[in-house]
């Protein structure tokens, strides 16, 4: 997949910078944005200046800069070694600068949003000349992403005309003043290019050059010879006596750009000044050498680049490949890989060699044949399409009426149980209160499942080890005993203890269960769960609108409160975006009926589908210890530190048991304690945000429709293909059903709940209809 990354940088190395990152598909709008800053770096700035001076002393005697008399002291080997030492220093300063804490949000976003095998164009947009001199290819990002390459760009730009394909790629090659250098090698390389028409201007006059740019259409402009930059002005030496600035033939260049000029290559020295001037004319792409370039390096880069580009590689990857191959020359020519750089107009998509060429007659004939074949198939299968549409509409209608819900939920449970095992969540610790815990001395005067004394001692054991959050999944709608002053104070002042209450019904006399009087509303979470029509918990209620008559007035679930408290330490805060909860970059997609199997379900509040985590059993979602274990000091501190602690009753007689999609030995739905259900919900949120574990999502109506229709078509095609062999038709249909199940299973693991039951019914129905309507052919 091709991605475009734009890094806008405002500021300079001496005063610090502001940076904005945008990521999107190539040739599309960005879909994510991040902001950061970079501190000033005088070390990097000074090292760059020292390197430029030292580099010039090494290469100017055999470079493509304007010939002039230069005298340097010291041996060439010593100057090369000093230059390499400065390279190392610049690399160290650059990595330290780009890996600073202030820039981490951009670094993290890049690595989260991009895959290692993505093809990535990175545009560094800045007007600061010293920032343009930075060897950005040394950034460790480019070491990790082998298909990424950077280009420089100015802040302002304008879109230009794209080149129309031609039978051959048209190249205007200017061979300028070649005193002391060998431009004949450049000529030979250009002449060897496939599917190209190269016009050479050898040491031309200005009028001759301008005439070619005005009167002809070119894809690529190439210059080889001497050049240099003074301040912001680049200068080309086009013959032995004349030099030109870009400004002096800007009208001719502008005309050529308007007629479709796509790429300018300046295989000459000190080209950043040229690139900055050309960018004002909005030329699409420019390749220049940022410093004086040795003749050998210029020739080798051109050879490697043209070979890769003309063979079909993208402009960016061809440039990176050619640049990296220059490393073999760095024993004699230091910093050779630092020299080539692309200057890009952000409004234009880089061309490929093939995009500059017209398609051949063979391709045109192939396209015509394919079109005719498609028309023929459309005529042959008109009846099939009509039948499949009728069947699909009928099946979707039955689904909308709720007739398929029971079957779909049953298959949901089967797939849920058959998924690969996952490790237990080490971010959670469950303290389960079991039958034996009711007999310990601390539970002597308990009211409910947990006495004040036991709770006080439990918190005294837990809090010193700094858990991130403690959730009490036990109702306490009564005040703390007056003797337990310390417990009362802890409940009132704790910033990581969360209790539950139960929201009452919007209508009716049931007003719910109130909170512990000592706990503030901000540390409350409701315990309500949503069973399906068969009583099974398959959905996860995150938040809801609370009736004003309810005794419990928190709109947020215990699971979301605990997850948010844990993620707070990771710098992630929950927010609602377009009606959905969002934590960091992860959106929890709200379930809204009708959707998927839930065509008539009550999807009030903010619900998502619960993606259970199962190790050997879903009960083993996390480590479980007893109340007695904690109070007697049997639990290690590291088992508590930085975890979410969930406290709840785990007895069969507690009344806090809920059926789940898992089947017990008795072939009935396996019931789990409420504290396990809450742990599953907390784990789902944390795993989605921190581990990128998929959330289960349903599809839109039209995606469902197309999916079911596709399988109905497949059933009809199989029937038609097996018209005279009933056995093979049934066998192939059976295999197709297995493929359907396997596909839906794989999609489910990826987080997509595909309509399996409707697709199977449609597939079988269309096959049967076609078999019945063509009995003499079967």
Foldseek 3Di string as FASTA:
>chain_A
DAKEKEWEWDDAQAAWIKIKIFIDHPPDHTDDIDIFIFGHQVQLLVLLVVLQVLQCVQFVVFFQAPDDDDDDDDDNLVSLVVNVVSVVSNLVSVQCRCPDPRNVVVVVVVVVPDDLAYQYEYEYEDPDPSVVLRLVCSHCVCVSRVNYFYFYEYPDADDADAAAAAQAAEEEEQEAAAVNADCVLVVVLVVPFPRHDYDYDYLHDPVVVLVCLQPDAHAEYEYEGHWADDDLWIWAGRYDPDIDTCVVNVVSNLNNRNNHHAEYEYLHAQCPSNLVVVRVSRRAKYKFFNHGDRNVLSSQLSNQLSVCQSVWDFNRSSNQRSLVVCVVVCVSNPPSSSTIHMYGRSNDDHDGNVNNHDDDPVVVVVVVVVVVVVVVVCVVCVVLLVLLLVLLVVLVVCLLVLVCLVVLLLVVLVLLVPDDADDADLQEEEAAAEPVNCVDPQNPPDDFRHRLSLVVLLCVLQPVLAALAEEEAGADLDEHPPVPPVSLVCQQPPPHYAYEWAAADLDDDGQTGAHHPSHDLLRYAYLDFDADPVQAGFKDFAFACGRPSHNRHHGGHNLNSNLQSLCVVVVWHWDADPNFIDTDPDTQDFDDEPFASPNPDDRHHGMFTQSQHHHPHSLPNDHYHYSVCSSVVVDDSVSRHHHYYYYDYWYPPSPQWGFHSDADPVRHGDIGGSSSVSSSSNCVVCCCVPVVQATADTDDPVVLSVLLSVLLSVLLVLLVVCQQPVVSSVVVLVVSLVVLVVVQSVVVSVRYRHRSVSSNSSSVVSNVVNCVVRVVRD
